Amino acid sequence: MAIALVPVAAATQDAAMRQGHGSEGEGSLQQEDTPPQRPWARGHDFATLDAYLAYLEQYNGPIDLPWWREVSPGVYEKMVRMPEAKREIATRAELERRWGFAPAR
């Protein structure tokens, strides 16, 4: 049986690009003129920002992966379990643009 070896950095970058996320801040791998891609995670595609945020909280939160929590109406904080992590705050509109979701009406 042959095993294909893929460099970790390349595999991580490929997964990040597929999800529309960069290694530092989501979207950092996006070209300025390229429209954002809606997120894809563990085989799921998400039609709305709310569905994606709920998914992140349900599946990423318990295993100490980043997720977003609404800290006040329309304002979200990225929850990261690393003490040295930089605090990240975004509005709902910013998250919608980042991941290519239509604005909520």
C-alpha atoms as a PDB file:
ATOM      1  CA  MET A   1       0.000   0.000   0.000  1.00  0.00           C
ATOM      2  CA  ALA A   2       1.418   3.395  -1.003  1.00  0.00           C
ATOM      3  CA  ILE A   3       1.053   6.425   1.224  1.00  0.00           C
ATOM      4  CA  ALA A   4       0.979   9.877  -0.314  1.00  0.00           C
ATOM      5  CA  LEU A   5       2.871  12.441   1.707  1.00  0.00           C
ATOM      6  CA  VAL A   6       1.733  16.042   1.495  1.00  0.00           C
ATOM      7  CA  PRO A   7       3.715  18.755   3.237  1.00  0.00           C
ATOM      8  CA  VAL A   8       1.743  19.995   6.243  1.00  0.00           C
ATOM      9  CA  ALA A   9       2.022  23.650   5.213  1.00  0.00           C
ATOM     10  CA  ALA A  10       0.621  22.903   1.754  1.00  0.00           C
ATOM     11  CA  ALA A  11      -2.222  20.805   3.139  1.00  0.00           C
ATOM     12  CA  THR A  12      -3.073  23.472   5.707  1.00  0.00           C
ATOM     13  CA  GLN A  13      -2.988  26.230   3.106  1.00  0.00           C
ATOM     14  CA  ASP A  14      -5.163  24.179   0.743  1.00  0.00           C
ATOM     15  CA  ALA A  15      -7.727  23.555   3.486  1.00  0.00           C
ATOM     16  CA  ALA A  16      -7.659  27.227   4.455  1.00  0.00           C
ATOM     17  CA  MET A  17      -8.231  28.336   0.887  1.00  0.00           C
ATOM     18  CA  ARG A  18     -11.074  25.841   0.455  1.00  0.00           C
ATOM     19  CA  GLN A  19     -12.740  27.254   3.572  1.00  0.00           C
ATOM     20  CA  GLY A  20     -12.057  30.853   2.598  1.00  0.00           C
ATOM     21  CA  HIS A  21      -9.794  31.281   5.637  1.00  0.00           C
ATOM     22  CA  GLY A  22      -6.222  32.401   5.970  1.00  0.00           C
ATOM     23  CA  SER A  23      -3.729  31.200   8.530  1.00  0.00           C
ATOM     24  CA  GLU A  24      -3.682  34.495  10.467  1.00  0.00           C
ATOM     25  CA  GLY A  25      -7.008  36.189   9.861  1.00  0.00           C
ATOM     26  CA  GLU A  26      -9.699  34.516   7.852  1.00  0.00           C
ATOM     27  CA  GLY A  27      -9.538  35.684   4.280  1.00  0.00           C
ATOM     28  CA  SER A  28      -5.849  36.618   4.366  1.00  0.00           C
ATOM     29  CA  LEU A  29      -5.216  34.235   1.448  1.00  0.00           C
ATOM     30  CA  GLN A  30      -7.945  35.894  -0.620  1.00  0.00           C
ATOM     31  CA  GLN A  31      -6.872  38.061  -3.527  1.00  0.00           C
ATOM     32  CA  GLU A  32      -8.268  41.591  -3.326  1.00  0.00           C
ATOM     33  CA  ASP A  33     -10.173  41.152  -6.613  1.00  0.00           C
ATOM     34  CA  THR A  34     -11.424  37.638  -5.815  1.00  0.00           C
ATOM     35  CA  PRO A  35     -14.886  37.461  -4.267  1.00  0.00           C
ATOM     36  CA  PRO A  36     -14.941  35.628  -0.917  1.00  0.00           C
ATOM     37  CA  GLN A  37     -16.002  32.009  -0.864  1.00  0.00           C
ATOM     38  CA  ARG A  38     -18.688  30.817   1.494  1.00  0.00           C
ATOM     39  CA  PRO A  39     -17.181  28.642   4.208  1.00  0.00           C
ATOM     40  CA  TRP A  40     -16.910  24.899   3.953  1.00  0.00           C
ATOM     41  CA  ALA A  41     -16.139  22.825   7.034  1.00  0.00           C
ATOM     42  CA  ARG A  42     -15.930  19.078   7.557  1.00  0.00           C
ATOM     43  CA  GLY A  43     -18.060  18.393   4.492  1.00  0.00           C
ATOM     44  CA  HIS A  44     -20.701  21.043   5.227  1.00  0.00           C
ATOM     45  CA  ASP A  45     -21.627  24.069   3.145  1.00  0.00           C
ATOM     46  CA  PHE A  46     -23.539  26.879   4.845  1.00  0.00           C
ATOM     47  CA  ALA A  47     -26.342  28.937   3.351  1.00  0.00           C
ATOM     48  CA  THR A  48     -26.381  31.615   6.058  1.00  0.00           C
ATOM     49  CA  LEU A  49     -23.977  33.289   8.436  1.00  0.00           C
ATOM     50  CA  ASP A  50     -26.113  32.185  11.382  1.00  0.00           C
ATOM     51  CA  ALA A  51     -25.860  28.533  10.310  1.00  0.00           C
ATOM     52  CA  TYR A  52     -22.070  28.825  10.031  1.00  0.00           C
ATOM     53  CA  LEU A  53     -21.666  30.567  13.395  1.00  0.00           C
ATOM     54  CA  ALA A  54     -23.889  27.978  15.104  1.00  0.00           C
ATOM     55  CA  TYR A  55     -21.831  25.189  13.536  1.00  0.00           C
ATOM     56  CA  LEU A  56     -18.562  26.726  14.743  1.00  0.00           C
ATOM     57  CA  GLU A  57     -19.894  27.111  18.272  1.00  0.00           C
ATOM     58  CA  GLN A  58     -21.281  23.569  18.396  1.00  0.00           C
ATOM     59  CA  TYR A  59     -18.306  21.748  16.878  1.00  0.00           C
ATOM     60  CA  ASN A  60     -15.253  23.983  17.348  1.00  0.00           C
ATOM     61  CA  GLY A  61     -15.988  25.340  20.821  1.00  0.00           C
ATOM     62  CA  PRO A  62     -15.869  22.013  22.688  1.00  0.00           C
ATOM     63  CA  ILE A  63     -12.523  21.065  21.127  1.00  0.00           C
ATOM     64  CA  ASP A  64     -10.859  24.451  21.664  1.00  0.00           C
ATOM     65  CA  LEU A  65     -10.925  25.580  18.049  1.00  0.00           C
ATOM     66  CA  PRO A  66     -11.908  29.172  17.178  1.00  0.00           C
ATOM     67  CA  TRP A  67     -15.557  30.186  16.999  1.00  0.00           C
ATOM     68  CA  TRP A  68     -17.454  33.497  17.107  1.00  0.00           C
ATOM     69  CA  ARG A  69     -19.671  34.669  19.992  1.00  0.00           C
ATOM     70  CA  GLU A  70     -22.086  37.584  19.784  1.00  0.00           C
ATOM     71  CA  VAL A  71     -20.983  40.002  22.515  1.00  0.00           C
ATOM     72  CA  SER A  72     -23.562  42.692  21.779  1.00  0.00           C
ATOM     73  CA  PRO A  73     -26.213  43.042  19.068  1.00  0.00           C
ATOM     74  CA  GLY A  74     -24.449  42.686  15.720  1.00  0.00           C
ATOM     75  CA  VAL A  75     -20.933  42.559  17.245  1.00  0.00           C
ATOM     76  CA  TYR A  76     -18.953  39.319  17.480  1.00  0.00           C
ATOM     77  CA  GLU A  77     -15.749  38.287  19.226  1.00  0.00           C
ATOM     78  CA  LYS A  78     -13.561  35.440  18.016  1.00  0.00           C
ATOM     79  CA  MET A  79     -13.223  32.948  20.842  1.00  0.00           C
ATOM     80  CA  VAL A  80      -9.736  31.458  20.961  1.00  0.00           C
ATOM     81  CA  ARG A  81      -8.353  29.401  23.857  1.00  0.00           C
ATOM     82  CA  MET A  82      -4.793  30.642  23.532  1.00  0.00           C
ATOM     83  CA  PRO A  83      -3.705  33.274  26.075  1.00  0.00           C
ATOM     84  CA  GLU A  84      -1.330  34.944  23.611  1.00  0.00           C
ATOM     85  CA  ALA A  85      -3.983  35.221  20.880  1.00  0.00           C
ATOM     86  CA  LYS A  86      -4.867  38.723  19.738  1.00  0.00           C
ATOM     87  CA  ARG A  87      -8.483  39.702  20.460  1.00  0.00           C
ATOM     88  CA  GLU A  88     -10.552  39.977  17.290  1.00  0.00           C
ATOM     89  CA  ILE A  89     -13.880  41.791  17.101  1.00  0.00           C
ATOM     90  CA  ALA A  90     -16.055  42.050  13.968  1.00  0.00           C
ATOM     91  CA  THR A  91     -19.489  43.305  13.089  1.00  0.00           C
ATOM     92  CA  ARG A  92     -22.056  41.049  11.487  1.00  0.00           C
ATOM     93  CA  ALA A  93     -21.637  42.946   8.197  1.00  0.00           C
ATOM     94  CA  GLU A  94     -17.866  42.403   8.290  1.00  0.00           C
ATOM     95  CA  LEU A  95     -18.310  38.644   8.845  1.00  0.00           C
ATOM     96  CA  GLU A  96     -20.868  38.464   6.026  1.00  0.00           C
ATOM     97  CA  ARG A  97     -18.434  40.199   3.651  1.00  0.00           C
ATOM     98  CA  ARG A  98     -15.497  38.089   4.855  1.00  0.00           C
ATOM     99  CA  TRP A  99     -17.235  34.831   4.041  1.00  0.00           C
ATOM    100  CA  GLY A 100     -19.427  35.940   1.107  1.00  0.00           C
ATOM    101  CA  PHE A 101     -22.840  35.694   2.741  1.00  0.00           C
ATOM    102  CA  ALA A 102     -25.691  37.934   1.636  1.00  0.00           C
ATOM    103  CA  PRO A 103     -26.461  40.618   4.223  1.00  0.00           C
ATOM    104  CA  ALA A 104     -29.299  39.755   6.603  1.00  0.00           C
ATOM    105  CA  ARG A 105     -32.449  41.740   6.008  1.00  0.00           C
END
